[in-house]
Amino acid sequence: MPDSNKCPNCQSLYGYPTGTSMMCPECGHEWNPNEFIESVAEETDSSVVKDANGNVLQDGDTVVLIKDLPVKGSSKAIKAGTKVKNIKLTDGDHNIDGKIEGFGAMALKSIFVRKG
């Protein structure tokens, strides 16, 4: 069964067409199957790294932390607003490598930064 019939809200397999859109009989959610296919393709593209605001990040960008981050083995945290210059994108859960003044090399998650 095509993924466009699967409800993006409740994952029900019983979605049915209602003319130009799809409808879920279980939760009542209505969606456009063309938009759903594009969003799934965008989410599965692992080479694209986005910040907390949805901006695409690239190697060499400068990012700013959006929240205080505790550091393992250190008594102090990295404060929100700290800039990380010249980042390098990597694979994995912590998908940003960069140097933070006063702390050294760090691996960060892109959900905790914004492009700066």
N, C-alpha and C. Protein backbone atom coordinates (compact mmCIF):
# COMPACT_ATOMS: atom_id res chain seq x y z
N MET A 1 0.85 -1.18 0.00
CA MET A 1 0.00 0.00 0.00
C MET A 1 0.90 1.24 0.00
N PRO A 2 0.62 2.21 -0.85
CA PRO A 2 1.46 3.41 -0.90
C PRO A 2 1.44 4.17 0.42
N ASP A 3 2.58 4.83 0.72
CA ASP A 3 2.67 5.62 1.94
C ASP A 3 1.73 6.82 1.91
N SER A 4 1.30 7.27 0.71
CA SER A 4 0.40 8.42 0.64
C SER A 4 -0.97 8.08 1.20
N ASN A 5 -1.33 6.79 1.29
CA ASN A 5 -2.60 6.38 1.90
C ASN A 5 -2.50 6.30 3.42
N LYS A 6 -1.29 6.24 3.94
CA LYS A 6 -1.07 6.13 5.38
C LYS A 6 -1.25 7.51 6.02
N CYS A 7 -2.05 7.57 7.08
CA CYS A 7 -2.32 8.84 7.74
C CYS A 7 -1.06 9.36 8.44
N PRO A 8 -0.62 10.58 8.14
CA PRO A 8 0.57 11.13 8.81
C PRO A 8 0.31 11.48 10.27
N ASN A 9 -0.95 11.55 10.67
CA ASN A 9 -1.31 11.93 12.04
C ASN A 9 -1.31 10.72 12.98
N CYS A 10 -2.03 9.64 12.58
CA CYS A 10 -2.17 8.48 13.47
C CYS A 10 -1.58 7.20 12.88
N GLN A 11 -1.00 7.27 11.70
CA GLN A 11 -0.36 6.15 11.01
C GLN A 11 -1.36 5.06 10.59
N SER A 12 -2.63 5.37 10.51
CA SER A 12 -3.65 4.41 10.06
C SER A 12 -3.42 4.08 8.60
N LEU A 13 -3.63 2.82 8.25
CA LEU A 13 -3.45 2.36 6.88
C LEU A 13 -4.71 2.51 6.04
N TYR A 14 -5.78 3.07 6.59
CA TYR A 14 -7.07 3.09 5.92
C TYR A 14 -7.43 4.44 5.32
N GLY A 15 -6.45 5.26 4.98
CA GLY A 15 -6.73 6.55 4.34
C GLY A 15 -7.40 6.34 3.00
N TYR A 16 -8.33 7.23 2.66
CA TYR A 16 -9.04 7.10 1.39
C TYR A 16 -9.10 8.47 0.70
N PRO A 17 -9.16 8.45 -0.64
CA PRO A 17 -9.19 9.71 -1.39
C PRO A 17 -10.55 10.40 -1.29
N THR A 18 -10.52 11.73 -1.22
CA THR A 18 -11.75 12.53 -1.19
C THR A 18 -11.69 13.59 -2.28
N GLY A 19 -11.31 13.19 -3.45
CA GLY A 19 -11.17 14.14 -4.55
C GLY A 19 -9.72 14.58 -4.68
N THR A 20 -9.38 15.76 -4.16
CA THR A 20 -8.01 16.27 -4.27
C THR A 20 -7.17 15.98 -3.03
N SER A 21 -7.77 15.43 -1.98
CA SER A 21 -7.02 15.16 -0.75
C SER A 21 -7.31 13.75 -0.27
N MET A 22 -6.69 13.39 0.85
CA MET A 22 -6.89 12.09 1.50
C MET A 22 -7.52 12.33 2.86
N MET A 23 -8.29 11.36 3.34
CA MET A 23 -8.98 11.47 4.62
C MET A 23 -8.74 10.20 5.43
N CYS A 24 -8.56 10.34 6.74
CA CYS A 24 -8.38 9.21 7.64
C CYS A 24 -9.71 8.92 8.34
N PRO A 25 -10.23 7.68 8.22
CA PRO A 25 -11.49 7.37 8.86
C PRO A 25 -11.37 7.18 10.37
N GLU A 26 -10.15 6.98 10.86
CA GLU A 26 -9.96 6.73 12.29
C GLU A 26 -9.82 8.00 13.12
N CYS A 27 -9.05 8.98 12.62
CA CYS A 27 -8.85 10.20 13.41
C CYS A 27 -9.45 11.44 12.75
N GLY A 28 -9.89 11.33 11.50
CA GLY A 28 -10.51 12.46 10.83
C GLY A 28 -9.53 13.43 10.19
N HIS A 29 -8.24 13.13 10.21
CA HIS A 29 -7.22 14.01 9.63
C HIS A 29 -7.33 14.02 8.12
N GLU A 30 -7.16 15.20 7.51
CA GLU A 30 -7.20 15.34 6.06
C GLU A 30 -5.86 15.90 5.59
N TRP A 31 -5.30 15.34 4.52
CA TRP A 31 -4.00 15.79 4.04
C TRP A 31 -3.93 15.68 2.53
N ASN A 32 -2.99 16.44 1.95
CA ASN A 32 -2.71 16.40 0.52
C ASN A 32 -1.62 15.36 0.31
N PRO A 33 -1.86 14.29 -0.44
CA PRO A 33 -0.86 13.23 -0.58
C PRO A 33 0.41 13.71 -1.29
N ASN A 34 0.31 14.72 -2.17
CA ASN A 34 1.51 15.23 -2.85
C ASN A 34 2.42 15.96 -1.87
N GLU A 35 1.88 16.75 -0.97
CA GLU A 35 2.69 17.43 0.04
C GLU A 35 3.31 16.44 0.99
N PHE A 36 2.57 15.39 1.34
CA PHE A 36 3.08 14.37 2.26
C PHE A 36 4.29 13.65 1.67
N ILE A 37 4.24 13.31 0.39
CA ILE A 37 5.35 12.61 -0.26
C ILE A 37 6.59 13.51 -0.28
N GLU A 38 6.42 14.81 -0.56
CA GLU A 38 7.55 15.74 -0.58
C GLU A 38 8.16 15.89 0.80
N SER A 39 7.32 15.95 1.87
CA SER A 39 7.85 16.12 3.21
C SER A 39 8.59 14.88 3.69
N VAL A 40 8.12 13.68 3.29
CA VAL A 40 8.81 12.45 3.66
C VAL A 40 10.17 12.40 2.98
N ALA A 41 10.23 12.80 1.71
CA ALA A 41 11.50 12.81 0.99
C ALA A 41 12.47 13.79 1.63
N GLU A 42 11.97 14.94 2.08
CA GLU A 42 12.82 15.94 2.73
C GLU A 42 13.36 15.43 4.06
N GLU A 43 12.51 14.76 4.85
CA GLU A 43 12.93 14.25 6.16
C GLU A 43 13.93 13.12 6.05
N THR A 44 13.86 12.31 4.98
CA THR A 44 14.74 11.17 4.85
C THR A 44 16.09 11.54 4.24
N ASP A 45 16.25 12.76 3.75
CA ASP A 45 17.53 13.20 3.20
C ASP A 45 18.46 13.51 4.36
N SER A 46 19.33 12.54 4.69
CA SER A 46 20.17 12.68 5.88
C SER A 46 21.36 13.62 5.66
N SER A 47 21.65 13.99 4.41
CA SER A 47 22.79 14.86 4.16
C SER A 47 22.47 16.31 4.50
N VAL A 48 21.21 16.66 4.71
CA VAL A 48 20.82 18.01 5.04
C VAL A 48 20.74 18.16 6.55
N VAL A 49 21.49 19.12 7.09
CA VAL A 49 21.47 19.40 8.53
C VAL A 49 20.83 20.77 8.71
N LYS A 50 19.79 20.81 9.56
CA LYS A 50 19.08 22.07 9.80
C LYS A 50 19.22 22.47 11.25
N ASP A 51 19.20 23.80 11.49
CA ASP A 51 19.27 24.31 12.86
C ASP A 51 17.89 24.28 13.49
N ALA A 52 17.75 24.81 14.68
CA ALA A 52 16.49 24.80 15.41
C ALA A 52 15.39 25.58 14.69
N ASN A 53 15.75 26.53 13.85
CA ASN A 53 14.77 27.33 13.11
C ASN A 53 14.47 26.78 11.73
N GLY A 54 15.12 25.69 11.35
CA GLY A 54 14.90 25.10 10.03
C GLY A 54 15.82 25.59 8.95
N ASN A 55 16.81 26.42 9.28
CA ASN A 55 17.78 26.89 8.29
C ASN A 55 18.79 25.79 8.00
N VAL A 56 19.16 25.63 6.74
CA VAL A 56 20.13 24.62 6.35
C VAL A 56 21.53 25.08 6.74
N LEU A 57 22.27 24.20 7.41
CA LEU A 57 23.64 24.50 7.83
C LEU A 57 24.64 23.90 6.86
N GLN A 58 25.80 24.54 6.74
CA GLN A 58 26.87 24.06 5.88
C GLN A 58 28.19 24.15 6.63
N ASP A 59 29.18 23.39 6.16
CA ASP A 59 30.52 23.48 6.74
C ASP A 59 31.01 24.92 6.68
N GLY A 60 31.63 25.39 7.76
CA GLY A 60 32.18 26.73 7.80
C GLY A 60 31.25 27.78 8.34
N ASP A 61 29.98 27.44 8.57
CA ASP A 61 29.02 28.40 9.12
C ASP A 61 29.34 28.73 10.57
N THR A 62 28.78 29.83 11.05
CA THR A 62 28.85 30.20 12.46
C THR A 62 27.46 29.98 13.04
N VAL A 63 27.40 29.31 14.19
CA VAL A 63 26.13 29.06 14.86
C VAL A 63 26.18 29.61 16.28
N VAL A 64 24.99 29.81 16.86
CA VAL A 64 24.85 30.34 18.21
C VAL A 64 24.00 29.35 19.01
N LEU A 65 24.43 29.02 20.22
CA LEU A 65 23.65 28.12 21.07
C LEU A 65 22.37 28.81 21.52
N ILE A 66 21.27 28.06 21.55
CA ILE A 66 19.98 28.65 21.95
C ILE A 66 19.60 28.29 23.37
N LYS A 67 20.37 27.43 24.03
CA LYS A 67 20.10 27.11 25.43
C LYS A 67 21.40 26.72 26.12
N ASP A 68 21.42 26.81 27.44
CA ASP A 68 22.59 26.39 28.20
C ASP A 68 22.77 24.89 28.05
N LEU A 69 24.00 24.46 27.77
CA LEU A 69 24.27 23.03 27.60
C LEU A 69 25.27 22.56 28.65
N PRO A 70 24.90 21.57 29.46
CA PRO A 70 25.84 21.04 30.43
C PRO A 70 26.95 20.27 29.71
N VAL A 71 28.15 20.29 30.29
CA VAL A 71 29.29 19.60 29.70
C VAL A 71 29.72 18.49 30.63
N LYS A 72 29.79 17.28 30.10
CA LYS A 72 30.22 16.14 30.92
C LYS A 72 31.63 16.37 31.42
N GLY A 73 31.84 16.15 32.71
CA GLY A 73 33.16 16.29 33.28
C GLY A 73 33.54 17.70 33.63
N SER A 74 32.62 18.65 33.50
CA SER A 74 32.91 20.03 33.82
C SER A 74 31.84 20.54 34.78
N SER A 75 32.24 21.44 35.65
CA SER A 75 31.29 21.98 36.62
C SER A 75 30.46 23.13 36.04
N LYS A 76 30.86 23.66 34.92
CA LYS A 76 30.11 24.77 34.33
C LYS A 76 29.53 24.37 32.97
N ALA A 77 28.45 25.02 32.61
CA ALA A 77 27.78 24.75 31.34
C ALA A 77 28.19 25.77 30.29
N ILE A 78 27.95 25.44 29.05
CA ILE A 78 28.14 26.39 27.96
C ILE A 78 26.86 27.22 27.89
N LYS A 79 26.98 28.52 27.98
CA LYS A 79 25.84 29.42 28.07
C LYS A 79 25.16 29.65 26.71
N ALA A 80 23.87 29.88 26.77
CA ALA A 80 23.12 30.25 25.57
C ALA A 80 23.69 31.55 25.02
N GLY A 81 23.77 31.66 23.70
CA GLY A 81 24.34 32.85 23.08
C GLY A 81 25.80 32.69 22.71
N THR A 82 26.42 31.59 23.11
CA THR A 82 27.82 31.34 22.77
C THR A 82 27.93 31.03 21.29
N LYS A 83 28.88 31.71 20.61
CA LYS A 83 29.08 31.49 19.19
C LYS A 83 30.07 30.35 18.96
N VAL A 84 29.76 29.54 17.96
CA VAL A 84 30.67 28.48 17.52
C VAL A 84 30.96 28.77 16.06
N LYS A 85 32.23 29.12 15.77
CA LYS A 85 32.62 29.52 14.43
C LYS A 85 33.21 28.35 13.66
N ASN A 86 33.08 28.41 12.35
CA ASN A 86 33.70 27.46 11.44
C ASN A 86 33.35 26.02 11.80
N ILE A 87 32.05 25.71 11.81
CA ILE A 87 31.61 24.37 12.18
C ILE A 87 31.90 23.37 11.06
N LYS A 88 31.92 22.09 11.43
CA LYS A 88 32.06 21.00 10.48
C LYS A 88 30.89 20.05 10.71
N LEU A 89 30.16 19.72 9.66
CA LEU A 89 29.01 18.82 9.77
C LEU A 89 29.47 17.37 9.71
N THR A 90 28.88 16.54 10.57
CA THR A 90 29.23 15.12 10.64
C THR A 90 27.96 14.28 10.63
N ASP A 91 28.12 12.98 10.52
CA ASP A 91 27.00 12.05 10.61
C ASP A 91 26.79 11.67 12.06
N GLY A 92 25.59 11.26 12.39
CA GLY A 92 25.31 10.78 13.74
C GLY A 92 24.40 11.72 14.50
N ASP A 93 24.20 11.39 15.78
CA ASP A 93 23.30 12.14 16.64
C ASP A 93 23.82 13.56 16.89
N HIS A 94 25.09 13.68 17.24
CA HIS A 94 25.74 14.99 17.41
C HIS A 94 26.36 15.34 16.05
N ASN A 95 25.63 16.11 15.25
CA ASN A 95 26.01 16.28 13.85
C ASN A 95 26.78 17.56 13.55
N ILE A 96 27.28 18.25 14.57
CA ILE A 96 28.11 19.43 14.37
C ILE A 96 29.37 19.31 15.23
N ASP A 97 30.51 19.52 14.61
CA ASP A 97 31.78 19.60 15.34
C ASP A 97 32.27 21.03 15.27
N GLY A 98 32.77 21.53 16.38
CA GLY A 98 33.29 22.89 16.41
C GLY A 98 34.10 23.13 17.65
N LYS A 99 34.84 24.24 17.67
CA LYS A 99 35.63 24.62 18.83
C LYS A 99 34.94 25.76 19.55
N ILE A 100 34.83 25.62 20.87
CA ILE A 100 34.23 26.65 21.70
C ILE A 100 35.31 27.20 22.60
N GLU A 101 35.49 28.51 22.54
CA GLU A 101 36.53 29.16 23.33
C GLU A 101 36.30 28.89 24.82
N GLY A 102 37.34 28.42 25.49
CA GLY A 102 37.24 28.12 26.91
C GLY A 102 36.87 26.67 27.20
N PHE A 103 36.37 25.95 26.19
CA PHE A 103 35.98 24.55 26.37
C PHE A 103 36.74 23.61 25.43
N GLY A 104 37.09 24.08 24.25
CA GLY A 104 37.79 23.24 23.29
C GLY A 104 36.85 22.63 22.27
N ALA A 105 37.26 21.51 21.69
CA ALA A 105 36.46 20.85 20.65
C ALA A 105 35.21 20.24 21.25
N MET A 106 34.08 20.43 20.57
CA MET A 106 32.80 19.92 21.05
C MET A 106 32.02 19.33 19.89
N ALA A 107 31.21 18.33 20.20
CA ALA A 107 30.23 17.80 19.27
C ALA A 107 28.87 18.28 19.76
N LEU A 108 28.09 18.90 18.87
CA LEU A 108 26.81 19.49 19.24
C LEU A 108 25.68 18.90 18.39
N LYS A 109 24.47 18.99 18.92
CA LYS A 109 23.29 18.61 18.16
C LYS A 109 22.74 19.87 17.48
N SER A 110 22.32 19.72 16.24
CA SER A 110 21.84 20.88 15.49
C SER A 110 20.54 21.46 16.05
N ILE A 111 19.80 20.70 16.85
CA ILE A 111 18.55 21.22 17.41
C ILE A 111 18.79 22.24 18.51
N PHE A 112 20.02 22.37 19.00
CA PHE A 112 20.34 23.31 20.06
C PHE A 112 21.07 24.55 19.56
N VAL A 113 21.13 24.75 18.25
CA VAL A 113 21.82 25.91 17.68
C VAL A 113 20.94 26.60 16.65
N ARG A 114 21.28 27.87 16.39
CA ARG A 114 20.66 28.59 15.29
C ARG A 114 21.80 29.23 14.49
N LYS A 115 21.52 29.43 13.21
CA LYS A 115 22.52 30.02 12.34
C LYS A 115 22.78 31.45 12.78
N GLY A 116 24.03 31.84 12.89
CA GLY A 116 24.32 33.17 13.38
C GLY A 116 25.27 33.83 12.55
